[in-house]
Amino acid sequence: MDLPNVVADLIEAQNNFDSVAYATCFSEAALVFDEGKTHHGRKEIEHWITNANERYKATMKPVSFEEKETESLLKVEVSGSFDGSPIVVSYHLKIADKLIQSLKITG
């Protein structure tokens, strides 16, 4: 599967539980929407993913990737310490200037 570098870096950072590297995949003003909450900017994103890593120990395996006009859709199998593991979730990504501008995670 041919993934943009920033998406491959995001997956690698997640699988290594590296919250700092994960956050650097995003622009300074990026937004993340997950579990009914919005996280603004790299610092909040780093804090959010650190907490998520501590709770879920989730790793990601890409299932599919497609680029559309305004966003990209990454489907990943997520495994971790949560009920129903593993599950397939969708990452709706807006990428510009080789950084993620927004991410919305849906089931």
Protein backbone atom coordinates (compact mmCIF):
# COMPACT_ATOMS: atom_id res chain seq x y z
CA MET A 1 0.00 0.00 0.00
CA ASP A 2 1.40 3.37 -1.03
CA LEU A 3 1.00 5.82 1.87
CA PRO A 4 2.10 9.46 2.04
CA ASN A 5 5.17 9.82 4.26
CA VAL A 6 3.25 11.66 6.99
CA VAL A 7 0.69 8.83 7.20
CA ALA A 8 3.41 6.17 7.36
CA ASP A 9 5.15 8.24 10.06
CA LEU A 10 1.88 8.51 12.02
CA ILE A 11 1.40 4.74 11.98
CA GLU A 12 5.01 4.10 12.99
CA ALA A 13 4.77 6.63 15.85
CA GLN A 14 1.55 5.03 17.10
CA ASN A 15 2.97 1.52 16.96
CA ASN A 16 6.01 2.70 18.93
CA PHE A 17 3.79 4.60 21.43
CA ASP A 18 5.84 7.72 20.63
CA SER A 19 3.49 10.60 21.44
CA VAL A 20 6.00 13.29 20.49
CA ALA A 21 6.66 11.80 17.04
CA TYR A 22 2.89 11.30 16.59
CA ALA A 23 2.18 14.96 17.35
CA THR A 24 4.87 16.18 14.94
CA CYS A 25 2.89 14.62 12.08
CA PHE A 26 0.37 17.44 12.61
CA SER A 27 0.52 21.14 11.81
CA GLU A 28 0.72 23.59 14.73
CA ALA A 29 -2.97 24.47 14.28
CA ALA A 30 -4.24 20.94 13.54
CA LEU A 31 -7.49 19.53 14.91
CA VAL A 32 -8.24 15.98 16.03
CA PHE A 33 -11.80 14.75 16.58
CA ASP A 34 -12.07 11.51 18.57
CA GLU A 35 -14.51 10.03 21.09
CA GLY A 36 -16.69 13.15 20.97
CA LYS A 37 -13.86 15.54 21.81
CA THR A 38 -11.82 18.02 19.79
CA HIS A 39 -8.10 18.51 20.38
CA HIS A 40 -6.48 21.72 19.05
CA GLY A 41 -2.80 22.04 18.15
CA ARG A 42 0.23 19.84 18.60
CA LYS A 43 0.44 20.14 22.40
CA GLU A 44 -3.18 19.04 22.94
CA ILE A 45 -2.77 16.28 20.35
CA GLU A 46 0.36 15.04 22.12
CA HIS A 47 -1.47 15.07 25.47
CA TRP A 48 -4.50 13.26 23.97
CA ILE A 49 -2.42 10.50 22.32
CA THR A 50 -0.30 10.04 25.46
CA ASN A 51 -3.47 9.43 27.48
CA ALA A 52 -4.94 7.16 24.78
CA ASN A 53 -1.70 5.13 24.66
CA GLU A 54 -1.77 4.67 28.44
CA ARG A 55 -5.43 3.55 28.39
CA TYR A 56 -5.58 1.42 25.26
CA LYS A 57 -2.05 0.42 24.19
CA ALA A 58 -3.40 0.53 20.64
CA THR A 59 -1.41 -0.46 17.58
CA MET A 60 -2.45 0.20 14.00
CA LYS A 61 -2.30 -1.95 10.87
CA PRO A 62 -3.31 -0.20 7.63
CA VAL A 63 -6.12 -1.92 5.74
CA SER A 64 -6.73 0.57 2.91
CA PHE A 65 -5.94 4.12 1.86
CA GLU A 66 -7.59 6.37 -0.69
CA GLU A 67 -7.07 10.00 -1.54
CA LYS A 68 -10.12 12.08 -2.37
CA GLU A 69 -10.40 15.70 -3.46
CA THR A 70 -10.57 17.28 -0.01
CA GLU A 71 -9.49 14.48 2.30
CA SER A 72 -7.85 11.09 2.48
CA LEU A 73 -9.39 8.01 4.04
CA LEU A 74 -7.20 5.55 5.93
CA LYS A 75 -8.81 2.41 7.29
CA VAL A 76 -6.82 0.69 10.01
CA GLU A 77 -7.19 -2.36 12.16
CA VAL A 78 -6.63 -1.22 15.72
CA SER A 79 -5.64 -3.72 18.40
CA GLY A 80 -5.19 -2.95 22.07
CA SER A 81 -6.47 -3.30 25.61
CA PHE A 82 -10.09 -2.36 24.93
CA ASP A 83 -13.34 -4.30 24.53
CA GLY A 84 -13.88 -5.67 21.03
CA SER A 85 -10.20 -5.53 20.04
CA PRO A 86 -9.29 -5.64 17.22
CA ILE A 87 -11.59 -3.23 15.37
CA VAL A 88 -11.41 -1.44 12.03
CA VAL A 89 -11.71 2.34 12.24
CA SER A 90 -11.55 5.11 9.65
CA TYR A 91 -9.12 8.00 9.82
CA HIS A 92 -10.46 10.95 7.81
CA LEU A 93 -7.37 13.05 7.11
CA LYS A 94 -6.82 16.47 5.62
CA ILE A 95 -3.18 16.81 4.61
CA ALA A 96 -1.44 19.96 3.37
CA ASP A 97 2.22 20.96 3.21
CA LYS A 98 3.16 17.36 4.15
CA LEU A 99 1.44 17.67 7.57
CA ILE A 100 -1.93 16.55 8.86
CA GLN A 101 -4.26 19.53 9.22
CA SER A 102 -7.17 17.55 10.66
CA LEU A 103 -8.02 14.02 11.68
CA LYS A 104 -11.45 12.63 12.46
CA ILE A 105 -11.59 9.06 13.76
CA THR A 106 -14.82 7.14 13.16
CA GLY A 107 -15.92 3.57 13.79
